[in-house]
């Protein structure tokens, strides 16, 4: 599976069995939009946790208190 990290675009073996065609579609999506494409062995795109953006980013950033 190939999927976009910026929008809901994706393609999988279910939609297109040929890996070459999936790769071409991913490249075309990147060229048209400038979005980042990633690959996964799964059959559905990975989903971010359903939490507020600020909480998610806060958990990823290092603590300023030295913890």
PDB file of N, CA and C in Angstrom:
ATOM      1  N   UNK A   1       0.840  -1.176   0.000  1.00  0.00           N
ATOM      2  CA  UNK A   1       0.000   0.000   0.000  1.00  0.00           C
ATOM      3  C   UNK A   1       0.885   1.238   0.000  1.00  0.00           C
ATOM      4  N   UNK A   2       0.448   2.200  -0.743  1.00  0.00           N
ATOM      5  CA  UNK A   2       1.089   3.516  -0.736  1.00  0.00           C
ATOM      6  C   UNK A   2       0.020   4.512  -0.311  1.00  0.00           C
ATOM      7  N   UNK A   3       0.429   5.460   0.551  1.00  0.00           N
ATOM      8  CA  UNK A   3      -0.540   6.421   1.064  1.00  0.00           C
ATOM      9  C   UNK A   3       0.123   7.771   1.272  1.00  0.00           C
ATOM     10  N   UNK A   4      -0.709   8.797   1.275  1.00  0.00           N
ATOM     11  CA  UNK A   4      -0.250  10.171   1.431  1.00  0.00           C
ATOM     12  C   UNK A   4      -0.285  10.559   2.908  1.00  0.00           C
ATOM     13  N   UNK A   5       0.763  11.212   3.367  1.00  0.00           N
ATOM     14  CA  UNK A   5       0.819  11.685   4.752  1.00  0.00           C
ATOM     15  C   UNK A   5       0.098  13.017   4.939  1.00  0.00           C
ATOM     16  N   UNK A   6      -0.326  13.640   3.828  1.00  0.00           N
ATOM     17  CA  UNK A   6      -0.940  14.960   3.908  1.00  0.00           C
ATOM     18  C   UNK A   6      -2.435  14.990   3.613  1.00  0.00           C
ATOM     19  N   UNK A   7      -2.953  13.956   2.966  1.00  0.00           N
ATOM     20  CA  UNK A   7      -4.377  13.922   2.631  1.00  0.00           C
ATOM     21  C   UNK A   7      -4.857  12.471   2.648  1.00  0.00           C
ATOM     22  N   UNK A   8      -6.050  12.240   2.184  1.00  0.00           N
ATOM     23  CA  UNK A   8      -6.648  10.898   2.245  1.00  0.00           C
ATOM     24  C   UNK A   8      -6.345  10.028   1.032  1.00  0.00           C
ATOM     25  N   UNK A   9      -5.409  10.419   0.170  1.00  0.00           N
ATOM     26  CA  UNK A   9      -5.077   9.634  -1.010  1.00  0.00           C
ATOM     27  C   UNK A   9      -4.345   8.360  -0.611  1.00  0.00           C
ATOM     28  N   UNK A  10      -4.684   7.242  -1.294  1.00  0.00           N
ATOM     29  CA  UNK A  10      -3.954   5.989  -1.111  1.00  0.00           C
ATOM     30  C   UNK A  10      -4.288   5.025  -2.236  1.00  0.00           C
ATOM     31  N   UNK A  11      -3.445   4.019  -2.404  1.00  0.00           N
ATOM     32  CA  UNK A  11      -3.677   2.947  -3.359  1.00  0.00           C
ATOM     33  C   UNK A  11      -3.132   1.660  -2.750  1.00  0.00           C
ATOM     34  N   UNK A  12      -3.786   0.555  -3.058  1.00  0.00           N
ATOM     35  CA  UNK A  12      -3.369  -0.724  -2.488  1.00  0.00           C
ATOM     36  C   UNK A  12      -3.477  -1.820  -3.544  1.00  0.00           C
ATOM     37  N   UNK A  13      -3.007  -3.017  -3.198  1.00  0.00           N
ATOM     38  CA  UNK A  13      -3.095  -4.166  -4.101  1.00  0.00           C
ATOM     39  C   UNK A  13      -4.543  -4.492  -4.441  1.00  0.00           C
ATOM     40  N   UNK A  14      -5.447  -4.196  -3.536  1.00  0.00           N
ATOM     41  CA  UNK A  14      -6.867  -4.442  -3.792  1.00  0.00           C
ATOM     42  C   UNK A  14      -7.351  -3.581  -4.954  1.00  0.00           C
ATOM     43  N   UNK A  15      -6.906  -2.328  -4.988  1.00  0.00           N
ATOM     44  CA  UNK A  15      -7.303  -1.404  -6.058  1.00  0.00           C
ATOM     45  C   UNK A  15      -6.526  -1.649  -7.345  1.00  0.00           C
ATOM     46  N   UNK A  16      -5.232  -1.936  -7.193  1.00  0.00           N
ATOM     47  CA  UNK A  16      -4.350  -2.100  -8.353  1.00  0.00           C
ATOM     48  C   UNK A  16      -3.304  -3.174  -8.039  1.00  0.00           C
ATOM     49  N   UNK A  17      -3.428  -4.366  -8.638  1.00  0.00           N
ATOM     50  CA  UNK A  17      -2.497  -5.459  -8.332  1.00  0.00           C
ATOM     51  C   UNK A  17      -1.043  -5.192  -8.743  1.00  0.00           C
ATOM     52  N   UNK A  18      -0.816  -4.398  -9.768  1.00  0.00           N
ATOM     53  CA  UNK A  18       0.542  -4.176 -10.270  1.00  0.00           C
ATOM     54  C   UNK A  18       1.285  -3.136  -9.425  1.00  0.00           C
ATOM     55  N   UNK A  19       2.385  -3.559  -8.813  1.00  0.00           N
ATOM     56  CA  UNK A  19       3.189  -2.666  -7.968  1.00  0.00           C
ATOM     57  C   UNK A  19       3.704  -1.476  -8.773  1.00  0.00           C
ATOM     58  N   UNK A  20       4.072  -1.696 -10.016  1.00  0.00           N
ATOM     59  CA  UNK A  20       4.595  -0.613 -10.854  1.00  0.00           C
ATOM     60  C   UNK A  20       3.543   0.478 -11.050  1.00  0.00           C
ATOM     61  N   UNK A  21       2.291   0.083 -11.251  1.00  0.00           N
ATOM     62  CA  UNK A  21       1.210   1.057 -11.443  1.00  0.00           C
ATOM     63  C   UNK A  21       0.960   1.825 -10.151  1.00  0.00           C
ATOM     64  N   UNK A  22       0.971   1.119  -9.010  1.00  0.00           N
ATOM     65  CA  UNK A  22       0.791   1.805  -7.719  1.00  0.00           C
ATOM     66  C   UNK A  22       1.902   2.826  -7.496  1.00  0.00           C
ATOM     67  N   UNK A  23       3.126   2.452  -7.809  1.00  0.00           N
ATOM     68  CA  UNK A  23       4.255   3.380  -7.646  1.00  0.00           C
ATOM     69  C   UNK A  23       4.105   4.586  -8.559  1.00  0.00           C
ATOM     70  N   UNK A  24       3.697   4.357  -9.804  1.00  0.00           N
ATOM     71  CA  UNK A  24       3.510   5.464 -10.747  1.00  0.00           C
ATOM     72  C   UNK A  24       2.436   6.419 -10.235  1.00  0.00           C
ATOM     73  N   UNK A  25       1.337   5.870  -9.727  1.00  0.00           N
ATOM     74  CA  UNK A  25       0.261   6.719  -9.188  1.00  0.00           C
ATOM     75  C   UNK A  25       0.748   7.536  -7.992  1.00  0.00           C
ATOM     76  N   UNK A  26       1.563   6.915  -7.149  1.00  0.00           N
ATOM     77  CA  UNK A  26       2.105   7.630  -5.990  1.00  0.00           C
ATOM     78  C   UNK A  26       3.003   8.778  -6.435  1.00  0.00           C
ATOM     79  N   UNK A  27       3.834   8.519  -7.428  1.00  0.00           N
ATOM     80  CA  UNK A  27       4.718   9.570  -7.945  1.00  0.00           C
ATOM     81  C   UNK A  27       3.885  10.700  -8.552  1.00  0.00           C
ATOM     82  N   UNK A  28       2.878  10.338  -9.318  1.00  0.00           N
ATOM     83  CA  UNK A  28       2.014  11.358  -9.922  1.00  0.00           C
ATOM     84  C   UNK A  28       1.326  12.201  -8.853  1.00  0.00           C
ATOM     85  N   UNK A  29       0.853  11.559  -7.783  1.00  0.00           N
ATOM     86  CA  UNK A  29       0.206  12.317  -6.711  1.00  0.00           C
ATOM     87  C   UNK A  29       1.203  13.285  -6.072  1.00  0.00           C
ATOM     88  N   UNK A  30       2.422  12.822  -5.840  1.00  0.00           N
ATOM     89  CA  UNK A  30       3.447  13.695  -5.256  1.00  0.00           C
ATOM     90  C   UNK A  30       3.753  14.878  -6.180  1.00  0.00           C
ATOM     91  N   UNK A  31       3.938  14.604  -7.461  1.00  0.00           N
ATOM     92  CA  UNK A  31       4.269  15.670  -8.411  1.00  0.00           C
ATOM     93  C   UNK A  31       3.135  16.695  -8.493  1.00  0.00           C
ATOM     94  N   UNK A  32       1.886  16.221  -8.513  1.00  0.00           N
ATOM     95  CA  UNK A  32       0.744  17.121  -8.628  1.00  0.00           C
ATOM     96  C   UNK A  32       0.513  17.952  -7.372  1.00  0.00           C
ATOM     97  N   UNK A  33       0.785  17.365  -6.200  1.00  0.00           N
ATOM     98  CA  UNK A  33       0.414  18.036  -4.950  1.00  0.00           C
ATOM     99  C   UNK A  33       1.597  18.474  -4.092  1.00  0.00           C
ATOM    100  N   UNK A  34       2.756  17.835  -4.280  1.00  0.00           N
ATOM    101  CA  UNK A  34       3.898  18.094  -3.403  1.00  0.00           C
ATOM    102  C   UNK A  34       3.784  17.342  -2.084  1.00  0.00           C
ATOM    103  N   UNK A  35       2.759  16.501  -1.944  1.00  0.00           N
ATOM    104  CA  UNK A  35       2.543  15.744  -0.705  1.00  0.00           C
ATOM    105  C   UNK A  35       3.554  14.612  -0.566  1.00  0.00           C
ATOM    106  N   UNK A  36       3.743  14.179   0.674  1.00  0.00           N
ATOM    107  CA  UNK A  36       4.672  13.098   0.995  1.00  0.00           C
ATOM    108  C   UNK A  36       3.953  11.758   0.924  1.00  0.00           C
ATOM    109  N   UNK A  37       4.553  10.813   0.219  1.00  0.00           N
ATOM    110  CA  UNK A  37       3.994   9.476   0.062  1.00  0.00           C
ATOM    111  C   UNK A  37       4.809   8.510   0.909  1.00  0.00           C
ATOM    112  N   UNK A  38       4.130   7.579   1.547  1.00  0.00           N
ATOM    113  CA  UNK A  38       4.793   6.535   2.330  1.00  0.00           C
ATOM    114  C   UNK A  38       4.224   5.191   1.903  1.00  0.00           C
ATOM    115  N   UNK A  39       4.877   4.123   2.317  1.00  0.00           N
ATOM    116  CA  UNK A  39       4.428   2.771   1.988  1.00  0.00           C
ATOM    117  C   UNK A  39       4.205   1.975   3.258  1.00  0.00           C
ATOM    118  N   UNK A  40       3.322   1.001   3.162  1.00  0.00           N
ATOM    119  CA  UNK A  40       2.997   0.152   4.296  1.00  0.00           C
ATOM    120  C   UNK A  40       2.690  -1.240   3.767  1.00  0.00           C
ATOM    121  N   UNK A  41       2.923  -2.243   4.598  1.00  0.00           N
ATOM    122  CA  UNK A  41       2.566  -3.604   4.226  1.00  0.00           C
ATOM    123  C   UNK A  41       1.099  -3.894   4.489  1.00  0.00           C
ATOM    124  N   UNK A  42       0.404  -2.993   5.167  1.00  0.00           N
ATOM    125  CA  UNK A  42      -0.993  -3.206   5.520  1.00  0.00           C
ATOM    126  C   UNK A  42      -1.934  -3.006   4.338  1.00  0.00           C
ATOM    127  N   UNK A  43      -3.210  -3.238   4.583  1.00  0.00           N
ATOM    128  CA  UNK A  43      -4.217  -3.074   3.533  1.00  0.00           C
ATOM    129  C   UNK A  43      -5.018  -1.795   3.707  1.00  0.00           C
ATOM    130  N   UNK A  44      -4.806  -1.080   4.802  1.00  0.00           N
ATOM    131  CA  UNK A  44      -5.422   0.230   5.015  1.00  0.00           C
ATOM    132  C   UNK A  44      -4.346   1.183   5.510  1.00  0.00           C
ATOM    133  N   UNK A  45      -4.466   2.473   5.216  1.00  0.00           N
ATOM    134  CA  UNK A  45      -3.462   3.428   5.684  1.00  0.00           C
ATOM    135  C   UNK A  45      -3.438   3.505   7.208  1.00  0.00           C
ATOM    136  N   UNK A  46      -2.264   3.657   7.807  1.00  0.00           N
ATOM    137  CA  UNK A  46      -2.197   3.858   9.259  1.00  0.00           C
ATOM    138  C   UNK A  46      -2.946   5.134   9.634  1.00  0.00           C
ATOM    139  N   UNK A  47      -3.536   5.147  10.801  1.00  0.00           N
ATOM    140  CA  UNK A  47      -4.293   6.297  11.266  1.00  0.00           C
ATOM    141  C   UNK A  47      -3.609   6.920  12.476  1.00  0.00           C
ATOM    142  N   UNK A  48      -3.611   8.242  12.534  1.00  0.00           N
ATOM    143  CA  UNK A  48      -3.119   8.936  13.718  1.00  0.00           C
ATOM    144  C   UNK A  48      -4.137   8.777  14.841  1.00  0.00           C
ATOM    145  N   UNK A  49      -3.681   8.793  16.080  1.00  0.00           N
ATOM    146  CA  UNK A  49      -4.633   8.715  17.192  1.00  0.00           C
ATOM    147  C   UNK A  49      -5.619   9.872  17.135  1.00  0.00           C
ATOM    148  N   UNK A  50      -6.833   9.627  17.579  1.00  0.00           N
ATOM    149  CA  UNK A  50      -7.872  10.652  17.568  1.00  0.00           C
ATOM    150  C   UNK A  50      -7.757  11.508  18.829  1.00  0.00           C
ATOM    151  N   UNK A  51      -6.711  12.341  18.854  1.00  0.00           N
ATOM    152  CA  UNK A  51      -6.474  13.255  19.974  1.00  0.00           C
ATOM    153  C   UNK A  51      -6.242  14.648  19.401  1.00  0.00           C
ATOM    154  N   UNK A  52      -6.458  15.680  20.198  1.00  0.00           N
ATOM    155  CA  UNK A  52      -6.198  17.038  19.706  1.00  0.00           C
ATOM    156  C   UNK A  52      -4.741  17.190  19.249  1.00  0.00           C
ATOM    157  N   UNK A  53      -4.533  17.931  18.184  1.00  0.00           N
ATOM    158  CA  UNK A  53      -3.210  18.153  17.603  1.00  0.00           C
ATOM    159  C   UNK A  53      -2.200  18.620  18.657  1.00  0.00           C
ATOM    160  N   UNK A  54      -2.614  19.533  19.515  1.00  0.00           N
ATOM    161  CA  UNK A  54      -1.702  20.092  20.511  1.00  0.00           C
ATOM    162  C   UNK A  54      -1.195  19.012  21.476  1.00  0.00           C
ATOM    163  N   UNK A  55      -2.071  18.099  21.862  1.00  0.00           N
ATOM    164  CA  UNK A  55      -1.680  17.020  22.779  1.00  0.00           C
ATOM    165  C   UNK A  55      -0.706  16.090  22.091  1.00  0.00           C
ATOM    166  N   UNK A  56      -1.008  15.719  20.853  1.00  0.00           N
ATOM    167  CA  UNK A  56      -0.154  14.813  20.099  1.00  0.00           C
ATOM    168  C   UNK A  56       1.242  15.409  19.917  1.00  0.00           C
ATOM    169  N   UNK A  57       1.322  16.674  19.510  1.00  0.00           N
ATOM    170  CA  UNK A  57       2.607  17.336  19.311  1.00  0.00           C
ATOM    171  C   UNK A  57       3.335  17.471  20.637  1.00  0.00           C
ATOM    172  N   UNK A  58       2.625  17.807  21.710  1.00  0.00           N
ATOM    173  CA  UNK A  58       3.238  17.946  23.030  1.00  0.00           C
ATOM    174  C   UNK A  58       3.936  16.656  23.445  1.00  0.00           C
ATOM    175  N   UNK A  59       3.317  15.503  23.167  1.00  0.00           N
ATOM    176  CA  UNK A  59       3.905  14.216  23.528  1.00  0.00           C
ATOM    177  C   UNK A  59       5.140  13.889  22.701  1.00  0.00           C
ATOM    178  N   UNK A  60       5.269  14.472  21.521  1.00  0.00           N
ATOM    179  CA  UNK A  60       6.414  14.204  20.663  1.00  0.00           C
ATOM    180  C   UNK A  60       7.609  15.092  20.967  1.00  0.00           C
ATOM    181  N   UNK A  61       7.354  16.272  21.538  1.00  0.00           N
ATOM    182  CA  UNK A  61       8.421  17.232  21.795  1.00  0.00           C
ATOM    183  C   UNK A  61       9.094  16.944  23.136  1.00  0.00           C
ATOM    184  N   UNK A  62      10.402  17.204  23.207  1.00  0.00           N
ATOM    185  CA  UNK A  62      11.087  17.013  24.495  1.00  0.00           C
ATOM    186  C   UNK A  62      10.596  18.000  25.544  1.00  0.00           C
ATOM    187  N   UNK A  63      10.675  17.591  26.761  1.00  0.00           N
ATOM    188  CA  UNK A  63      10.248  18.442  27.881  1.00  0.00           C
ATOM    189  C   UNK A  63      11.275  19.551  28.096  1.00  0.00           C
ATOM    190  N   UNK A  64      10.785  20.751  28.393  1.00  0.00           N
ATOM    191  CA  UNK A  64      11.680  21.884  28.670  1.00  0.00           C
ATOM    192  C   UNK A  64      12.117  21.897  30.135  1.00  0.00           C
ATOM    193  N   UNK A  65      11.502  21.052  30.940  1.00  0.00           N
ATOM    194  CA  UNK A  65      11.829  21.055  32.369  1.00  0.00           C
ATOM    195  C   UNK A  65      13.022  20.175  32.690  1.00  0.00           C
ATOM    196  N   UNK A  66      13.577  19.502  31.655  1.00  0.00           N
ATOM    197  CA  UNK A  66      14.739  18.656  31.903  1.00  0.00           C
ATOM    198  C   UNK A  66      14.398  17.259  32.339  1.00  0.00           C
ATOM    199  N   UNK A  67      13.116  16.877  32.290  1.00  0.00           N
ATOM    200  CA  UNK A  67      12.693  15.525  32.675  1.00  0.00           C
ATOM    201  C   UNK A  67      13.203  14.490  31.729  1.00  0.00           C
TER     202      UNK A  67
END
